[in-house]
PDB file of N, CA and C in Angstrom:
ATOM      1  N   UNK A   1       5.443 -15.341 -24.018  1.00  0.00           N
ATOM      2  CA  UNK A   1       5.119 -14.123 -23.514  1.00  0.00           C
ATOM      3  C   UNK A   1       4.167 -13.973 -22.323  1.00  0.00           C
ATOM      4  N   UNK A   2       3.273 -14.870 -21.993  1.00  0.00           N
ATOM      5  CA  UNK A   2       2.369 -14.869 -21.094  1.00  0.00           C
ATOM      6  C   UNK A   2       3.310 -14.928 -19.726  1.00  0.00           C
ATOM      7  N   UNK A   3       4.337 -15.962 -19.764  1.00  0.00           N
ATOM      8  CA  UNK A   3       4.976 -16.237 -18.716  1.00  0.00           C
ATOM      9  C   UNK A   3       5.744 -14.976 -18.254  1.00  0.00           C
ATOM     10  N   UNK A   4       6.373 -14.179 -19.491  1.00  0.00           N
ATOM     11  CA  UNK A   4       6.960 -13.078 -18.938  1.00  0.00           C
ATOM     12  C   UNK A   4       6.121 -11.967 -18.482  1.00  0.00           C
ATOM     13  N   UNK A   5       4.958 -11.932 -18.754  1.00  0.00           N
ATOM     14  CA  UNK A   5       3.893 -10.959 -18.250  1.00  0.00           C
ATOM     15  C   UNK A   5       3.769 -11.138 -16.863  1.00  0.00           C
ATOM     16  N   UNK A   6       3.493 -12.384 -16.298  1.00  0.00           N
ATOM     17  CA  UNK A   6       3.367 -12.968 -15.067  1.00  0.00           C
ATOM     18  C   UNK A   6       4.403 -12.493 -14.104  1.00  0.00           C
ATOM     19  N   UNK A   7       5.650 -12.543 -14.666  1.00  0.00           N
ATOM     20  CA  UNK A   7       6.614 -12.107 -13.830  1.00  0.00           C
ATOM     21  C   UNK A   7       6.917 -10.692 -13.718  1.00  0.00           C
ATOM     22  N   UNK A   8       6.442  -9.986 -14.699  1.00  0.00           N
ATOM     23  CA  UNK A   8       6.574  -8.443 -14.593  1.00  0.00           C
ATOM     24  C   UNK A   8       5.473  -7.706 -13.646  1.00  0.00           C
ATOM     25  N   UNK A   9       4.014  -8.294 -13.993  1.00  0.00           N
ATOM     26  CA  UNK A   9       3.077  -7.498 -13.201  1.00  0.00           C
ATOM     27  C   UNK A   9       2.706  -8.449 -11.910  1.00  0.00           C
ATOM     28  N   UNK A  10       2.875  -7.551 -10.807  1.00  0.00           N
ATOM     29  CA  UNK A  10       2.543  -8.345  -9.583  1.00  0.00           C
ATOM     30  C   UNK A  10       1.075  -8.514  -9.406  1.00  0.00           C
ATOM     31  N   UNK A  11       0.733  -9.686  -8.553  1.00  0.00           N
ATOM     32  CA  UNK A  11      -0.513 -10.031  -8.367  1.00  0.00           C
ATOM     33  C   UNK A  11      -1.300  -9.059  -7.238  1.00  0.00           C
ATOM     34  N   UNK A  12      -2.427  -8.902  -7.842  1.00  0.00           N
ATOM     35  CA  UNK A  12      -3.289  -7.660  -7.112  1.00  0.00           C
ATOM     36  C   UNK A  12      -4.469  -8.441  -6.616  1.00  0.00           C
ATOM     37  N   UNK A  13      -4.660  -9.688  -6.130  1.00  0.00           N
ATOM     38  CA  UNK A  13      -5.670 -10.162  -5.717  1.00  0.00           C
ATOM     39  C   UNK A  13      -6.497  -9.727  -4.470  1.00  0.00           C
ATOM     40  N   UNK A  14      -5.563  -9.039  -3.711  1.00  0.00           N
ATOM     41  CA  UNK A  14      -6.009  -8.496  -2.434  1.00  0.00           C
ATOM     42  C   UNK A  14      -5.711  -6.814  -2.635  1.00  0.00           C
ATOM     43  N   UNK A  15      -6.542  -6.222  -1.909  1.00  0.00           N
ATOM     44  CA  UNK A  15      -6.102  -4.778  -1.845  1.00  0.00           C
ATOM     45  C   UNK A  15      -4.943  -4.260  -0.968  1.00  0.00           C
ATOM     46  N   UNK A  16      -4.237  -3.477  -1.455  1.00  0.00           N
ATOM     47  CA  UNK A  16      -3.066  -2.967  -0.420  1.00  0.00           C
ATOM     48  C   UNK A  16      -3.767  -1.651   0.362  1.00  0.00           C
ATOM     49  N   UNK A  17      -3.302  -1.771   1.396  1.00  0.00           N
ATOM     50  CA  UNK A  17      -3.632  -0.492   2.296  1.00  0.00           C
ATOM     51  C   UNK A  17      -2.358   0.165   2.845  1.00  0.00           C
ATOM     52  N   UNK A  18      -2.326   1.154   2.599  1.00  0.00           N
ATOM     53  CA  UNK A  18      -1.009   2.098   3.088  1.00  0.00           C
ATOM     54  C   UNK A  18      -1.222   2.249   4.541  1.00  0.00           C
ATOM     55  N   UNK A  19      -0.125   1.827   5.413  1.00  0.00           N
ATOM     56  CA  UNK A  19      -0.365   1.796   6.916  1.00  0.00           C
ATOM     57  C   UNK A  19       0.225   3.261   7.205  1.00  0.00           C
ATOM     58  N   UNK A  20      -0.634   3.988   7.879  1.00  0.00           N
ATOM     59  CA  UNK A  20      -0.357   5.455   8.312  1.00  0.00           C
ATOM     60  C   UNK A  20      -0.635   5.631   9.755  1.00  0.00           C
ATOM     61  N   UNK A  21       0.161   4.953  10.554  1.00  0.00           N
ATOM     62  CA  UNK A  21       0.056   4.896  11.845  1.00  0.00           C
ATOM     63  C   UNK A  21       1.094   5.511  12.665  1.00  0.00           C
ATOM     64  N   UNK A  22       2.158   6.367  12.111  1.00  0.00           N
ATOM     65  CA  UNK A  22       3.123   7.098  12.623  1.00  0.00           C
ATOM     66  C   UNK A  22       2.533   8.213  13.337  1.00  0.00           C
ATOM     67  N   UNK A  23       3.138   8.425  14.492  1.00  0.00           N
ATOM     68  CA  UNK A  23       2.900   9.816  15.198  1.00  0.00           C
ATOM     69  C   UNK A  23       3.242  10.960  14.436  1.00  0.00           C
ATOM     70  N   UNK A  24       2.581  11.981  14.853  1.00  0.00           N
ATOM     71  CA  UNK A  24       2.871  13.191  14.453  1.00  0.00           C
ATOM     72  C   UNK A  24       4.169  13.803  14.313  1.00  0.00           C
ATOM     73  N   UNK A  25       5.098  13.572  15.538  1.00  0.00           N
ATOM     74  CA  UNK A  25       6.550  13.854  15.476  1.00  0.00           C
ATOM     75  C   UNK A  25       7.161  13.021  14.479  1.00  0.00           C
ATOM     76  N   UNK A  26       7.123  11.747  14.373  1.00  0.00           N
ATOM     77  CA  UNK A  26       7.851  11.056  13.523  1.00  0.00           C
ATOM     78  C   UNK A  26       7.556  11.226  12.036  1.00  0.00           C
ATOM     79  N   UNK A  27       6.231  11.668  11.727  1.00  0.00           N
ATOM     80  CA  UNK A  27       5.919  12.044  10.301  1.00  0.00           C
ATOM     81  C   UNK A  27       6.586  13.295  10.138  1.00  0.00           C
ATOM     82  N   UNK A  28       6.585  14.247  10.896  1.00  0.00           N
ATOM     83  CA  UNK A  28       7.016  15.568  10.694  1.00  0.00           C
ATOM     84  C   UNK A  28       8.720  15.514  10.421  1.00  0.00           C
ATOM     85  N   UNK A  29       9.252  14.786  11.190  1.00  0.00           N
ATOM     86  CA  UNK A  29      10.788  14.477  11.163  1.00  0.00           C
ATOM     87  C   UNK A  29      11.059  13.362  10.015  1.00  0.00           C
ATOM     88  N   UNK A  30      10.130  12.841   9.493  1.00  0.00           N
ATOM     89  CA  UNK A  30      10.326  11.666   8.371  1.00  0.00           C
ATOM     90  C   UNK A  30      11.163  10.515   9.112  1.00  0.00           C
ATOM     91  N   UNK A  31      10.660  10.064  10.275  1.00  0.00           N
ATOM     92  CA  UNK A  31      11.492   9.213  11.052  1.00  0.00           C
ATOM     93  C   UNK A  31      10.532   7.833  10.950  1.00  0.00           C
ATOM     94  N   UNK A  32      11.089   6.579  11.057  1.00  0.00           N
ATOM     95  CA  UNK A  32      10.398   5.490  11.096  1.00  0.00           C
ATOM     96  C   UNK A  32       9.645   5.316  12.655  1.00  0.00           C
ATOM     97  N   UNK A  33       8.752   5.366  12.773  1.00  0.00           N
ATOM     98  CA  UNK A  33       7.920   5.101  14.057  1.00  0.00           C
ATOM     99  C   UNK A  33       7.575   3.785  14.395  1.00  0.00           C
ATOM    100  N   UNK A  34       7.806   3.327  15.602  1.00  0.00           N
ATOM    101  CA  UNK A  34       7.316   1.957  15.903  1.00  0.00           C
ATOM    102  C   UNK A  34       5.987   1.864  16.636  1.00  0.00           C
ATOM    103  N   UNK A  35       5.384   3.020  16.366  1.00  0.00           N
ATOM    104  CA  UNK A  35       3.956   3.007  16.825  1.00  0.00           C
ATOM    105  C   UNK A  35       3.716   2.463  18.291  1.00  0.00           C
ATOM    106  N   UNK A  36       4.631   2.546  19.129  1.00  0.00           N
ATOM    107  CA  UNK A  36       4.570   2.098  20.424  1.00  0.00           C
ATOM    108  C   UNK A  36       3.303   3.150  21.280  1.00  0.00           C
ATOM    109  N   UNK A  37       2.481   2.445  21.813  1.00  0.00           N
ATOM    110  CA  UNK A  37       1.517   3.691  22.691  1.00  0.00           C
ATOM    111  C   UNK A  37       1.665   3.731  24.078  1.00  0.00           C
ATOM    112  N   UNK A  38       1.726   4.659  24.848  1.00  0.00           N
ATOM    113  CA  UNK A  38       1.103   6.052  24.393  1.00  0.00           C
ATOM    114  C   UNK A  38       2.305   6.834  23.784  1.00  0.00           C
ATOM    115  N   UNK A  39       3.541   6.318  23.996  1.00  0.00           N
ATOM    116  CA  UNK A  39       4.703   7.254  23.434  1.00  0.00           C
ATOM    117  C   UNK A  39       5.751   6.240  22.730  1.00  0.00           C
ATOM    118  N   UNK A  40       6.032   6.486  21.469  1.00  0.00           N
ATOM    119  CA  UNK A  40       6.777   5.879  20.774  1.00  0.00           C
ATOM    120  C   UNK A  40       8.115   5.920  21.132  1.00  0.00           C
ATOM    121  N   UNK A  41       9.233   5.183  20.828  1.00  0.00           N
ATOM    122  CA  UNK A  41      10.615   4.978  21.390  1.00  0.00           C
ATOM    123  C   UNK A  41      11.136   6.211  20.909  1.00  0.00           C
ATOM    124  N   UNK A  42      10.996   6.894  19.613  1.00  0.00           N
ATOM    125  CA  UNK A  42      11.805   8.145  19.324  1.00  0.00           C
ATOM    126  C   UNK A  42      11.208   9.228  19.959  1.00  0.00           C
ATOM    127  N   UNK A  43      10.023   9.553  20.158  1.00  0.00           N
ATOM    128  CA  UNK A  43       9.421  10.850  21.104  1.00  0.00           C
ATOM    129  C   UNK A  43      10.033  10.410  22.545  1.00  0.00           C
ATOM    130  N   UNK A  44      10.077   9.342  22.807  1.00  0.00           N
ATOM    131  CA  UNK A  44      10.438   9.046  24.336  1.00  0.00           C
ATOM    132  C   UNK A  44      12.048   9.396  24.491  1.00  0.00           C
ATOM    133  N   UNK A  45      12.744   9.046  23.510  1.00  0.00           N
ATOM    134  CA  UNK A  45      14.194   9.349  23.443  1.00  0.00           C
ATOM    135  C   UNK A  45      14.489  10.900  23.385  1.00  0.00           C
ATOM    136  N   UNK A  46      13.746  11.500  22.670  1.00  0.00           N
ATOM    137  CA  UNK A  46      13.886  13.181  22.433  1.00  0.00           C
ATOM    138  C   UNK A  46      13.021  13.801  23.235  1.00  0.00           C
ATOM    139  N   UNK A  47      12.289  13.195  24.149  1.00  0.00           N
ATOM    140  CA  UNK A  47      11.390  13.933  24.933  1.00  0.00           C
ATOM    141  C   UNK A  47      10.307  14.755  24.468  1.00  0.00           C
ATOM    142  N   UNK A  48       9.882  14.344  23.404  1.00  0.00           N
ATOM    143  CA  UNK A  48       8.759  15.047  22.500  1.00  0.00           C
ATOM    144  C   UNK A  48       7.417  14.578  22.979  1.00  0.00           C
ATOM    145  N   UNK A  49       6.438  15.411  22.860  1.00  0.00           N
ATOM    146  CA  UNK A  49       4.951  14.634  23.104  1.00  0.00           C
ATOM    147  C   UNK A  49       4.539  13.797  21.943  1.00  0.00           C
ATOM    148  N   UNK A  50       4.003  12.722  22.121  1.00  0.00           N
ATOM    149  CA  UNK A  50       3.724  11.750  21.081  1.00  0.00           C
ATOM    150  C   UNK A  50       2.325  11.779  20.970  1.00  0.00           C
ATOM    151  N   UNK A  51       2.086  12.298  19.717  1.00  0.00           N
ATOM    152  CA  UNK A  51       0.556  12.350  19.619  1.00  0.00           C
ATOM    153  C   UNK A  51       0.330  11.699  18.216  1.00  0.00           C
ATOM    154  N   UNK A  52      -1.074  11.047  18.210  1.00  0.00           N
ATOM    155  CA  UNK A  52      -1.244  10.299  16.853  1.00  0.00           C
ATOM    156  C   UNK A  52      -2.687  10.840  16.447  1.00  0.00           C
ATOM    157  N   UNK A  53      -2.699  10.904  15.232  1.00  0.00           N
ATOM    158  CA  UNK A  53      -3.760  11.431  14.540  1.00  0.00           C
ATOM    159  C   UNK A  53      -4.984  10.711  14.595  1.00  0.00           C
ATOM    160  N   UNK A  54      -6.216  11.369  14.906  1.00  0.00           N
ATOM    161  CA  UNK A  54      -7.334  10.441  15.140  1.00  0.00           C
ATOM    162  C   UNK A  54      -8.166  10.066  13.703  1.00  0.00           C
ATOM    163  N   UNK A  55      -7.645  10.913  12.673  1.00  0.00           N
ATOM    164  CA  UNK A  55      -7.999  10.532  11.318  1.00  0.00           C
ATOM    165  C   UNK A  55      -7.537   9.538  10.711  1.00  0.00           C
ATOM    166  N   UNK A  56      -8.123   8.476  10.026  1.00  0.00           N
ATOM    167  CA  UNK A  56      -7.861   7.252   9.358  1.00  0.00           C
ATOM    168  C   UNK A  56      -7.598   7.433   8.050  1.00  0.00           C
ATOM    169  N   UNK A  57      -6.407   7.643   7.532  1.00  0.00           N
ATOM    170  CA  UNK A  57      -5.897   7.858   6.120  1.00  0.00           C
ATOM    171  C   UNK A  57      -5.487   6.508   5.514  1.00  0.00           C
ATOM    172  N   UNK A  58      -5.950   5.530   5.954  1.00  0.00           N
ATOM    173  CA  UNK A  58      -5.643   4.205   5.365  1.00  0.00           C
ATOM    174  C   UNK A  58      -6.337   3.792   4.448  1.00  0.00           C
ATOM    175  N   UNK A  59      -7.418   4.369   3.861  1.00  0.00           N
ATOM    176  CA  UNK A  59      -8.178   4.036   2.773  1.00  0.00           C
ATOM    177  C   UNK A  59      -7.670   4.626   1.744  1.00  0.00           C
ATOM    178  N   UNK A  60      -8.095   4.090   0.562  1.00  0.00           N
ATOM    179  CA  UNK A  60      -7.596   4.623  -0.844  1.00  0.00           C
ATOM    180  C   UNK A  60      -7.857   5.810  -1.109  1.00  0.00           C
ATOM    181  N   UNK A  61      -7.008   6.504  -1.988  1.00  0.00           N
ATOM    182  CA  UNK A  61      -7.408   7.818  -2.566  1.00  0.00           C
ATOM    183  C   UNK A  61      -8.042   7.530  -3.823  1.00  0.00           C
ATOM    184  N   UNK A  62      -8.731   8.388  -4.391  1.00  0.00           N
ATOM    185  CA  UNK A  62      -9.360   8.243  -5.828  1.00  0.00           C
ATOM    186  C   UNK A  62      -8.401   7.924  -6.952  1.00  0.00           C
ATOM    187  N   UNK A  63      -7.170   8.433  -6.870  1.00  0.00           N
ATOM    188  CA  UNK A  63      -6.320   7.773  -7.873  1.00  0.00           C
ATOM    189  C   UNK A  63      -5.869   6.697  -7.933  1.00  0.00           C
ATOM    190  N   UNK A  64      -5.577   5.974  -6.437  1.00  0.00           N
ATOM    191  CA  UNK A  64      -5.242   4.740  -6.264  1.00  0.00           C
ATOM    192  C   UNK A  64      -6.304   3.733  -6.819  1.00  0.00           C
ATOM    193  N   UNK A  65      -7.569   4.190  -6.458  1.00  0.00           N
ATOM    194  CA  UNK A  65      -8.877   3.458  -6.752  1.00  0.00           C
ATOM    195  C   UNK A  65      -8.981   3.201  -8.337  1.00  0.00           C
ATOM    196  N   UNK A  66      -8.579   4.473  -8.951  1.00  0.00           N
ATOM    197  CA  UNK A  66      -8.641   4.287 -10.502  1.00  0.00           C
ATOM    198  C   UNK A  66      -7.670   3.358 -11.090  1.00  0.00           C
ATOM    199  N   UNK A  67      -6.472   3.384 -10.482  1.00  0.00           N
ATOM    200  CA  UNK A  67      -5.206   2.509 -10.916  1.00  0.00           C
ATOM    201  C   UNK A  67      -5.781   1.021 -10.747  1.00  0.00           C
ATOM    202  N   UNK A  68      -6.166   0.645  -9.370  1.00  0.00           N
ATOM    203  CA  UNK A  68      -6.535  -0.633  -9.061  1.00  0.00           C
ATOM    204  C   UNK A  68      -7.749  -1.212 -10.140  1.00  0.00           C
ATOM    205  N   UNK A  69      -8.553  -0.332 -10.294  1.00  0.00           N
ATOM    206  CA  UNK A  69      -9.821  -0.682 -11.577  1.00  0.00           C
ATOM    207  C   UNK A  69      -9.124  -0.926 -12.833  1.00  0.00           C
ATOM    208  N   UNK A  70      -8.151  -0.211 -13.057  1.00  0.00           N
ATOM    209  CA  UNK A  70      -7.592  -0.360 -14.507  1.00  0.00           C
ATOM    210  C   UNK A  70      -6.548  -1.571 -14.471  1.00  0.00           C
ATOM    211  N   UNK A  71      -5.962  -1.931 -13.267  1.00  0.00           N
ATOM    212  CA  UNK A  71      -5.227  -2.936 -13.221  1.00  0.00           C
ATOM    213  C   UNK A  71      -6.095  -4.254 -13.235  1.00  0.00           C
ATOM    214  N   UNK A  72      -7.167  -4.273 -12.543  1.00  0.00           N
ATOM    215  CA  UNK A  72      -7.863  -5.313 -12.716  1.00  0.00           C
ATOM    216  C   UNK A  72      -8.415  -5.751 -14.133  1.00  0.00           C
ATOM    217  N   UNK A  73      -8.887  -4.750 -14.729  1.00  0.00           N
ATOM    218  CA  UNK A  73      -9.155  -4.793 -16.159  1.00  0.00           C
ATOM    219  C   UNK A  73      -7.986  -5.470 -17.114  1.00  0.00           C
ATOM    220  N   UNK A  74      -6.905  -5.159 -16.627  1.00  0.00           N
ATOM    221  CA  UNK A  74      -5.691  -5.522 -17.458  1.00  0.00           C
ATOM    222  C   UNK A  74      -5.475  -6.988 -17.228  1.00  0.00           C
ATOM    223  N   UNK A  75      -5.489  -7.233 -15.936  1.00  0.00           N
ATOM    224  CA  UNK A  75      -5.454  -8.714 -15.567  1.00  0.00           C
ATOM    225  C   UNK A  75      -6.424  -9.544 -16.017  1.00  0.00           C
ATOM    226  N   UNK A  76      -7.684  -9.123 -16.057  1.00  0.00           N
ATOM    227  CA  UNK A  76      -8.730 -10.072 -16.659  1.00  0.00           C
ATOM    228  C   UNK A  76      -8.580  -9.994 -18.302  1.00  0.00           C
ATOM    229  N   UNK A  77      -7.974  -9.190 -18.833  1.00  0.00           N
ATOM    230  CA  UNK A  77      -7.777  -9.356 -20.580  1.00  0.00           C
ATOM    231  C   UNK A  77      -6.502 -10.256 -20.598  1.00  0.00           C
ATOM    232  N   UNK A  78      -5.518 -10.218 -19.743  1.00  0.00           N
ATOM    233  CA  UNK A  78      -4.370 -11.167 -19.927  1.00  0.00           C
ATOM    234  C   UNK A  78      -4.846 -12.668 -19.675  1.00  0.00           C
ATOM    235  N   UNK A  79      -5.810 -12.957 -18.493  1.00  0.00           N
ATOM    236  CA  UNK A  79      -6.231 -14.110 -18.283  1.00  0.00           C
ATOM    237  C   UNK A  79      -7.080 -14.624 -19.456  1.00  0.00           C
ATOM    238  N   UNK A  80      -7.944 -13.660 -20.062  1.00  0.00           N
ATOM    239  CA  UNK A  80      -8.589 -14.231 -21.208  1.00  0.00           C
ATOM    240  C   UNK A  80      -7.676 -14.488 -22.419  1.00  0.00           C
ATOM    241  N   UNK A  81      -6.573 -14.105 -22.427  1.00  0.00           N
ATOM    242  CA  UNK A  81      -5.764 -14.285 -23.685  1.00  0.00           C
ATOM    243  C   UNK A  81      -5.041 -15.462 -23.442  1.00  0.00           C
ATOM    244  N   UNK A  82      -4.690 -15.835 -22.294  1.00  0.00           N
ATOM    245  CA  UNK A  82      -4.083 -17.015 -21.755  1.00  0.00           C
ATOM    246  C   UNK A  82      -5.003 -18.212 -22.136  1.00  0.00           C
ATOM    247  N   UNK A  83      -6.295 -17.941 -21.678  1.00  0.00           N
ATOM    248  CA  UNK A  83      -7.294 -19.225 -21.869  1.00  0.00           C
ATOM    249  C   UNK A  83      -7.746 -19.330 -23.178  1.00  0.00           C
ATOM    250  N   UNK A  84      -7.634 -18.350 -24.127  1.00  0.00           N
ATOM    251  CA  UNK A  84      -8.025 -18.474 -25.554  1.00  0.00           C
ATOM    252  C   UNK A  84      -6.993 -18.912 -26.243  1.00  0.00           C
ATOM    253  N   UNK A  85      -5.587 -18.744 -25.948  1.00  0.00           N
ATOM    254  CA  UNK A  85      -4.564 -19.495 -26.644  1.00  0.00           C
ATOM    255  C   UNK A  85      -3.569 -20.041 -25.964  1.00  0.00           C
ATOM    256  N   UNK A  86      -4.018 -21.323 -25.404  1.00  0.00           N
ATOM    257  CA  UNK A  86      -3.274 -22.173 -24.373  1.00  0.00           C
ATOM    258  C   UNK A  86      -1.889 -22.721 -24.926  1.00  0.00           C
ATOM    259  N   UNK A  87      -1.868 -22.831 -26.297  1.00  0.00           N
ATOM    260  CA  UNK A  87      -0.940 -23.475 -27.054  1.00  0.00           C
ATOM    261  C   UNK A  87       0.352 -22.631 -27.438  1.00  0.00           C
ATOM    262  N   UNK A  88       0.048 -21.135 -27.202  1.00  0.00           N
ATOM    263  CA  UNK A  88       1.172 -20.283 -27.562  1.00  0.00           C
ATOM    264  C   UNK A  88       2.049 -19.759 -26.338  1.00  0.00           C
TER     265      UNK A  88
END
């Protein structure tokens, strides 16, 4: 069963940060931005003004931090179960 849990739950040894570097035009139009500076290829192609937000939104929101904390607790519980019952 421990092997099954290892396959189902992803490893979270490092924090995942969401990349939010898309320009405002690509964000608004829900397009994939290539983040080229000073103008991304999409804005260049359509002749739009390419602007990037000065706000860094790549940090974790409170809900994500709570989820990561809970996941860490679950991982440690699973590791303790595996250590205490190696023959199972």
